[in-house]
């Protein structure tokens, strides 16, 4: 298709709002009332993005100077990658948002044929511009690490060929799954897990907007469980407020099914002080009565082990054993056997501690 062809007035593809990224009201930029809070409170401008101010400022400056490069945004889930590029698109295009972007998610077919046809057709057409500033179009490939290698190799040439009229943004969790030829054509930005202060600030805003009754302990529990993932934090907040009108630390842990810190302390006390058989019975009873999963117990014991005063060699062996237990549980092995392995690891650690004390 010729490069000088005029783009059709009808959008060639579904927009981000139709791809499950939230129904966007382009008149005011705010999500439609109701639905998941993840979409309702998705940032609509770069100023609203919770963290990564250095990355946001850089992209904002490049956008303002009309020098936006091809982008590769990577990092853990829920850190603002998709929100950032959608905010950039709204700033660039305004009311023409739906006509000027092509977004393909992991749920779409993104094999080599899609790259050669749909993406190439969209990229090869020039946009209509009535002002001195010529807007390039934007292709957003979310979850790009799920693309086949053949599709990535085909995309390499498309990016090269249509740079004058189109910018490409690749979003993924693992940059290592993107071929080097694509990485070298993009400016890379890593979105690290969010700082607890940024997550807390955003959650306080949502709590204020929704008029929720959340204690400081409940808020701290949500931030702790989210572990730098703002999407997970909002989902926990929304589900917990449905289960309990007054959100305390206990209510949050009960809603998510995670063991409470006091339960972990009790389990650690049994592991380090009680005989093998007694610890086994007590932990089994607690797991049954409170509905705890051993994989969650092992995961929560790991940071607790670092608070115990013990020789580094003993701590290393204990952490290694916890990692093995969690790995085996991930493959669906018997929980009773793995609980025995966990108890055995702590029994060996106790023996080593006694020997070190002598």
Protein backbone atom coordinates (compact mmCIF):
# COMPACT_ATOMS: atom_id res chain seq x y z
CA UNK A 1 0.00 0.00 0.00
CA UNK A 2 1.37 3.41 -0.94
CA UNK A 3 2.81 5.63 1.77
CA UNK A 4 0.88 8.69 0.57
CA UNK A 5 -2.55 7.07 0.87
CA UNK A 6 -4.99 8.92 3.12
CA UNK A 7 -6.25 7.04 6.15
CA UNK A 8 -9.93 6.10 6.22
CA UNK A 9 -12.22 8.04 8.52
CA UNK A 10 -13.46 4.77 10.00
CA UNK A 11 -10.99 3.26 12.56
CA UNK A 12 -9.26 0.17 11.18
CA UNK A 13 -9.18 -1.60 14.50
CA UNK A 14 -10.72 -1.76 17.90
CA UNK A 15 -9.45 0.94 20.20
CA UNK A 16 -7.94 0.37 23.63
CA UNK A 17 -11.30 1.16 25.21
CA UNK A 18 -12.82 -1.73 23.29
CA UNK A 19 -9.97 -4.12 24.09
CA UNK A 20 -10.75 -4.40 27.79
CA UNK A 21 -8.61 -1.50 28.98
CA UNK A 22 -11.64 0.24 30.46
CA UNK A 23 -14.46 2.15 28.83
CA UNK A 24 -13.06 5.64 28.38
CA UNK A 25 -15.18 8.75 28.19
CA UNK A 26 -13.12 10.96 25.88
CA UNK A 27 -15.01 14.10 26.91
CA UNK A 28 -13.67 14.15 30.42
CA UNK A 29 -11.08 11.36 30.40
CA UNK A 30 -12.65 9.55 33.36
CA UNK A 31 -13.80 5.97 33.37
CA UNK A 32 -17.52 5.20 33.31
CA UNK A 33 -18.99 4.80 36.79
CA UNK A 34 -19.06 1.25 38.14
CA UNK A 35 -17.05 -1.78 37.20
CA UNK A 36 -13.58 -2.71 38.45
CA UNK A 37 -11.73 0.05 40.28
CA UNK A 38 -8.61 -0.90 38.30
CA UNK A 39 -10.31 0.62 35.25
CA UNK A 40 -12.31 3.29 37.06
CA UNK A 41 -9.16 4.82 38.53
CA UNK A 42 -6.79 4.13 35.65
CA UNK A 43 -4.68 7.31 35.12
CA UNK A 44 -5.93 9.43 32.22
CA UNK A 45 -2.94 11.78 32.09
CA UNK A 46 0.78 11.42 32.71
CA UNK A 47 0.46 13.56 35.85
CA UNK A 48 -1.88 10.94 37.38
CA UNK A 49 0.58 8.03 37.03
CA UNK A 50 1.47 6.96 40.58
CA UNK A 51 5.26 6.65 40.34
CA UNK A 52 8.30 6.46 38.02
CA UNK A 53 8.48 10.26 37.77
CA UNK A 54 11.83 10.16 35.95
CA UNK A 55 10.41 7.92 33.20
CA UNK A 56 7.17 9.91 33.01
CA UNK A 57 9.04 13.23 32.76
CA UNK A 58 11.28 11.88 29.99
CA UNK A 59 8.36 10.54 27.93
CA UNK A 60 6.36 13.73 28.57
CA UNK A 61 9.23 15.89 27.32
CA UNK A 62 9.72 13.76 24.20
CA UNK A 63 5.98 13.87 23.50
CA UNK A 64 5.85 17.64 23.93
CA UNK A 65 8.75 18.12 21.53
CA UNK A 66 7.17 15.73 18.99
CA UNK A 67 10.25 13.48 19.21
CA UNK A 68 8.62 10.33 20.56
CA UNK A 69 10.80 7.27 19.73
CA UNK A 70 9.74 3.64 19.50
CA UNK A 71 9.26 2.46 23.08
CA UNK A 72 9.83 -0.78 24.97
CA UNK A 73 8.18 -0.67 28.40
CA UNK A 74 8.91 -3.69 30.58
CA UNK A 75 8.59 -4.69 34.21
CA UNK A 76 6.33 -6.60 36.63
CA UNK A 77 2.51 -6.45 36.30
CA UNK A 78 0.59 -3.54 37.80
CA UNK A 79 3.40 -0.99 37.64
CA UNK A 80 1.84 1.44 35.15
CA UNK A 81 3.19 0.42 31.73
CA UNK A 82 -0.12 0.30 29.85
CA UNK A 83 -1.52 3.29 31.77
CA UNK A 84 1.51 5.37 30.79
CA UNK A 85 1.29 4.74 27.04
CA UNK A 86 -2.51 5.22 27.01
CA UNK A 87 -2.03 8.56 28.80
CA UNK A 88 0.56 9.50 26.15
CA UNK A 89 -1.94 8.58 23.41
CA UNK A 90 -4.66 10.76 24.96
CA UNK A 91 -2.23 13.67 25.23
CA UNK A 92 -1.12 13.29 21.61
CA UNK A 93 -4.47 12.73 19.92
CA UNK A 94 -7.29 13.97 22.16
CA UNK A 95 -10.62 13.39 20.41
CA UNK A 96 -8.89 11.50 17.55
CA UNK A 97 -7.64 8.92 20.07
CA UNK A 98 -9.63 6.01 18.61
CA UNK A 99 -8.58 6.66 15.01
CA UNK A 100 -4.89 7.14 15.67
CA UNK A 101 -3.92 4.07 17.66
CA UNK A 102 -3.92 0.33 17.00
CA UNK A 103 -3.74 -1.76 20.14
CA UNK A 104 -3.24 -5.51 20.10
CA UNK A 105 -3.28 -7.43 23.37
CA UNK A 106 -2.18 -10.96 24.23
CA UNK A 107 -5.80 -12.08 23.74
CA UNK A 108 -5.61 -11.13 20.04
CA UNK A 109 -4.05 -13.17 17.29
CA UNK A 110 -0.62 -11.63 16.77
CA UNK A 111 1.09 -14.15 14.55
CA UNK A 112 3.12 -13.37 11.48
CA UNK A 113 0.00 -12.86 9.31
CA UNK A 114 -1.35 -10.15 11.63
CA UNK A 115 2.01 -8.33 11.46
CA UNK A 116 2.11 -8.57 7.66
CA UNK A 117 -1.52 -7.53 7.13
CA UNK A 118 -3.27 -5.68 9.96
CA UNK A 119 -0.26 -3.88 11.46
CA UNK A 120 1.33 -3.14 8.08
CA UNK A 121 -1.97 -1.81 6.65
CA UNK A 122 -2.40 0.50 9.64
CA UNK A 123 1.23 1.67 9.63
CA UNK A 124 1.43 2.29 5.88
CA UNK A 125 -1.35 4.90 5.78
CA UNK A 126 -0.64 8.51 6.63
CA UNK A 127 -2.83 10.39 9.09
CA UNK A 128 -4.86 13.47 8.19
CA UNK A 129 -3.33 16.59 9.74
CA UNK A 130 -4.90 20.07 9.63
CA UNK A 131 -2.24 21.89 11.61
CA UNK A 132 1.48 22.58 11.48
CA UNK A 133 2.15 19.67 13.84
CA UNK A 134 2.08 16.32 12.05
CA UNK A 135 0.91 13.56 14.39
CA UNK A 136 2.35 10.12 13.87
CA UNK A 137 0.11 7.15 14.59
CA UNK A 138 0.75 4.75 17.44
CA UNK A 139 0.78 0.94 17.47
CA UNK A 140 0.63 -0.55 20.98
CA UNK A 141 1.58 -4.20 21.33
CA UNK A 142 0.65 -5.17 24.89
CA UNK A 143 2.11 -8.40 26.32
CA UNK A 144 4.62 -8.41 23.45
CA UNK A 145 6.61 -11.21 25.07
CA UNK A 146 3.76 -13.57 24.06
CA UNK A 147 4.39 -12.90 20.35
CA UNK A 148 5.98 -15.68 18.34
CA UNK A 149 9.57 -15.30 17.22
CA UNK A 150 8.49 -15.28 13.56
CA UNK A 151 6.07 -12.41 14.25
CA UNK A 152 8.81 -10.47 16.05
CA UNK A 153 11.20 -10.89 13.12
CA UNK A 154 8.48 -9.74 10.72
CA UNK A 155 7.73 -6.75 12.96
CA UNK A 156 11.39 -5.69 12.82
CA UNK A 157 11.12 -4.75 9.14
CA UNK A 158 7.70 -3.10 9.57
CA UNK A 159 9.07 -0.82 12.31
CA UNK A 160 12.01 0.14 10.10
CA UNK A 161 9.91 0.81 7.02
CA UNK A 162 7.14 2.97 8.52
CA UNK A 163 9.03 5.04 11.10
CA UNK A 164 8.03 8.32 9.37
CA UNK A 165 4.30 7.82 9.94
CA UNK A 166 4.05 5.42 12.88
CA UNK A 167 5.53 4.84 16.33
CA UNK A 168 5.54 1.43 17.97
CA UNK A 169 5.27 0.74 21.70
CA UNK A 170 6.03 -2.78 22.94
CA UNK A 171 4.88 -3.65 26.46
CA UNK A 172 6.03 -6.81 28.22
CA UNK A 173 6.95 -8.31 31.59
CA UNK A 174 10.28 -9.79 30.46
CA UNK A 175 12.49 -7.88 28.04
CA UNK A 176 14.61 -11.01 27.56
CA UNK A 177 11.72 -12.56 25.58
CA UNK A 178 11.93 -9.76 22.99
CA UNK A 179 14.45 -10.47 20.23
CA UNK A 180 17.60 -8.24 20.30
CA UNK A 181 16.78 -6.82 16.84
CA UNK A 182 13.55 -5.30 18.24
CA UNK A 183 15.15 -4.16 21.49
CA UNK A 184 17.81 -2.20 19.58
CA UNK A 185 15.11 -0.29 17.65
CA UNK A 186 13.33 0.88 20.82
CA UNK A 187 14.09 3.13 23.75
CA UNK A 188 13.81 0.90 26.82
CA UNK A 189 12.19 1.93 30.10
CA UNK A 190 11.99 -0.45 33.06
CA UNK A 191 9.00 -0.05 35.37
CA UNK A 192 10.10 -1.37 38.76
CA UNK A 193 7.63 -2.50 41.47
CA UNK A 194 6.01 0.54 43.04
CA UNK A 195 7.31 1.99 46.27
CA UNK A 196 4.93 1.39 49.25
CA UNK A 197 4.60 5.17 49.69
CA UNK A 198 3.28 5.56 46.12
CA UNK A 199 0.84 2.65 46.53
CA UNK A 200 -0.39 4.09 49.84
CA UNK A 201 -0.90 7.54 48.31
CA UNK A 202 -2.98 6.16 45.42
CA UNK A 203 -5.03 3.92 47.73
CA UNK A 204 -5.80 6.88 50.02
CA UNK A 205 -7.14 8.75 47.00
CA UNK A 206 -9.42 5.83 46.05
CA UNK A 207 -10.56 5.41 49.68
CA UNK A 208 -11.46 9.11 49.81
CA UNK A 209 -13.32 8.99 46.48
CA UNK A 210 -15.31 5.89 47.47
CA UNK A 211 -15.91 6.99 51.08
CA UNK A 212 -14.52 3.79 52.60
CA UNK A 213 -13.87 3.00 56.25
CA UNK A 214 -10.29 1.69 56.30
CA UNK A 215 -8.01 1.58 59.33
CA UNK A 216 -4.28 2.30 59.12
CA UNK A 217 -3.61 -1.38 59.82
CA UNK A 218 -5.94 -2.43 57.00
CA UNK A 219 -4.26 -0.05 54.55
CA UNK A 220 -0.79 -1.27 55.58
CA UNK A 221 -1.94 -4.89 55.10
CA UNK A 222 -3.15 -4.15 51.55
CA UNK A 223 0.14 -2.45 50.67
CA UNK A 224 2.12 -5.37 52.13
CA UNK A 225 0.10 -8.00 50.23
CA UNK A 226 0.25 -6.03 46.96
CA UNK A 227 4.07 -6.14 46.98
CA UNK A 228 4.48 -3.21 44.57
CA UNK A 229 1.58 -4.19 42.26
CA UNK A 230 -0.98 -1.36 42.24
CA UNK A 231 -3.50 -3.40 40.22
CA UNK A 232 -3.39 -6.13 42.87
CA UNK A 233 -3.74 -3.51 45.63
CA UNK A 234 -6.89 -2.04 44.06
CA UNK A 235 -8.38 -5.49 43.52
CA UNK A 236 -7.74 -6.43 47.16
CA UNK A 237 -9.27 -3.14 48.33
CA UNK A 238 -12.39 -3.59 46.21
CA UNK A 239 -12.96 -7.23 47.16
CA UNK A 240 -12.28 -6.58 50.86
CA UNK A 241 -14.76 -3.70 51.06
CA UNK A 242 -17.42 -5.95 49.53
CA UNK A 243 -16.79 -8.55 52.24
CA UNK A 244 -16.55 -6.15 55.17
CA UNK A 245 -17.75 -2.52 55.54
CA UNK A 246 -15.01 -1.82 58.13
CA UNK A 247 -11.62 -2.73 56.71
CA UNK A 248 -9.16 -3.78 59.40
CA UNK A 249 -5.95 -5.76 59.03
CA UNK A 250 -7.78 -8.97 59.98
CA UNK A 251 -10.57 -8.33 57.44
CA UNK A 252 -8.04 -7.87 54.62
CA UNK A 253 -6.18 -11.09 55.47
CA UNK A 254 -9.42 -13.06 55.84
CA UNK A 255 -10.67 -11.82 52.47
CA UNK A 256 -7.47 -12.72 50.62
CA UNK A 257 -6.88 -16.02 52.45
CA UNK A 258 -3.32 -15.09 53.42
CA UNK A 259 -2.01 -16.09 56.86
CA UNK A 260 -1.97 -13.22 59.34
CA UNK A 261 1.37 -12.06 60.79
CA UNK A 262 0.39 -13.34 64.26
CA UNK A 263 -0.35 -16.78 62.75
CA UNK A 264 3.07 -16.83 61.09
CA UNK A 265 4.69 -15.89 64.42
CA UNK A 266 2.83 -18.74 66.14
CA UNK A 267 3.86 -21.22 63.42
CA UNK A 268 7.49 -20.04 63.64
CA UNK A 269 7.39 -20.51 67.44
CA UNK A 270 6.18 -24.10 67.01
CA UNK A 271 8.80 -24.80 64.35
CA UNK A 272 11.66 -23.50 66.48
CA UNK A 273 10.59 -24.72 69.94
CA UNK A 274 8.15 -27.66 69.84
CA UNK A 275 8.96 -31.33 69.06
CA UNK A 276 8.46 -32.55 65.49
CA UNK A 277 5.18 -34.42 66.07
CA UNK A 278 3.64 -31.62 68.18
CA UNK A 279 4.52 -28.98 65.59
CA UNK A 280 3.09 -31.15 62.81
CA UNK A 281 -0.23 -31.58 64.63
CA UNK A 282 -0.52 -27.91 65.65
CA UNK A 283 0.24 -26.55 62.17
CA UNK A 284 -2.13 -29.06 60.55
CA UNK A 285 -4.94 -27.98 62.92
CA UNK A 286 -4.30 -24.30 62.18
CA UNK A 287 -4.22 -24.94 58.41
CA UNK A 288 -7.56 -26.78 58.64
CA UNK A 289 -9.33 -24.31 60.96
CA UNK A 290 -8.19 -21.17 59.15
CA UNK A 291 -8.05 -22.55 55.61
CA UNK A 292 -4.37 -21.76 55.08
CA UNK A 293 -2.34 -23.04 52.13
CA UNK A 294 1.14 -24.36 52.92
CA UNK A 295 2.61 -22.45 49.98
CA UNK A 296 1.42 -19.17 51.55
CA UNK A 297 2.84 -20.21 54.94
CA UNK A 298 6.23 -21.02 53.37
CA UNK A 299 6.21 -17.72 51.46
CA UNK A 300 5.44 -15.70 54.58
CA UNK A 301 8.02 -17.56 56.69
CA UNK A 302 10.82 -16.44 54.36
CA UNK A 303 10.92 -12.75 55.46
CA UNK A 304 10.29 -13.84 59.07
CA UNK A 305 13.45 -16.00 59.01
CA UNK A 306 15.51 -12.87 58.29
CA UNK A 307 14.31 -11.30 61.56
CA UNK A 308 15.60 -14.23 63.66
CA UNK A 309 19.13 -13.94 65.06
CA UNK A 310 21.04 -16.95 63.67
CA UNK A 311 24.40 -17.66 61.96
CA UNK A 312 24.45 -16.86 58.21
CA UNK A 313 25.22 -20.49 57.28
CA UNK A 314 22.10 -21.72 59.11
CA UNK A 315 19.93 -19.00 57.56
CA UNK A 316 21.16 -19.86 54.06
CA UNK A 317 20.27 -23.54 54.49
CA UNK A 318 16.84 -22.66 55.88
CA UNK A 319 16.00 -20.25 53.03
CA UNK A 320 17.19 -22.85 50.51
CA UNK A 321 14.89 -25.46 52.08
CA UNK A 322 11.92 -23.04 52.02
CA UNK A 323 12.58 -22.38 48.33
CA UNK A 324 12.59 -26.13 47.61
CA UNK A 325 9.29 -26.60 49.47
CA UNK A 326 7.63 -23.76 47.56
CA UNK A 327 8.99 -25.08 44.25
CA UNK A 328 7.63 -28.57 44.90
CA UNK A 329 4.25 -27.22 46.02
CA UNK A 330 4.00 -25.31 42.73
CA UNK A 331 3.86 -28.69 40.97
CA UNK A 332 0.94 -29.90 43.09
CA UNK A 333 2.79 -32.26 45.43
CA UNK A 334 1.26 -33.62 48.65
CA UNK A 335 1.00 -30.89 51.31
CA UNK A 336 1.49 -33.30 54.22
CA UNK A 337 4.78 -34.52 52.81
CA UNK A 338 5.96 -30.95 52.17
CA UNK A 339 4.92 -29.91 55.69
CA UNK A 340 7.17 -32.71 56.93
CA UNK A 341 10.00 -31.38 54.75
CA UNK A 342 9.42 -27.88 56.19
CA UNK A 343 9.51 -29.23 59.75
CA UNK A 344 12.65 -31.21 58.93
CA UNK A 345 14.41 -28.08 57.66
CA UNK A 346 13.63 -26.18 60.87
CA UNK A 347 14.65 -29.17 62.99
CA UNK A 348 18.06 -29.21 61.27
CA UNK A 349 18.31 -25.44 61.80
CA UNK A 350 17.56 -25.88 65.53
CA UNK A 351 20.25 -28.54 65.82
CA UNK A 352 22.76 -26.25 64.07
CA UNK A 353 21.81 -23.35 66.37
CA UNK A 354 22.33 -25.47 69.49
CA UNK A 355 25.70 -26.66 68.16
CA UNK A 356 26.73 -23.06 67.38
CA UNK A 357 25.73 -21.91 70.88
CA UNK A 358 28.00 -24.54 72.46
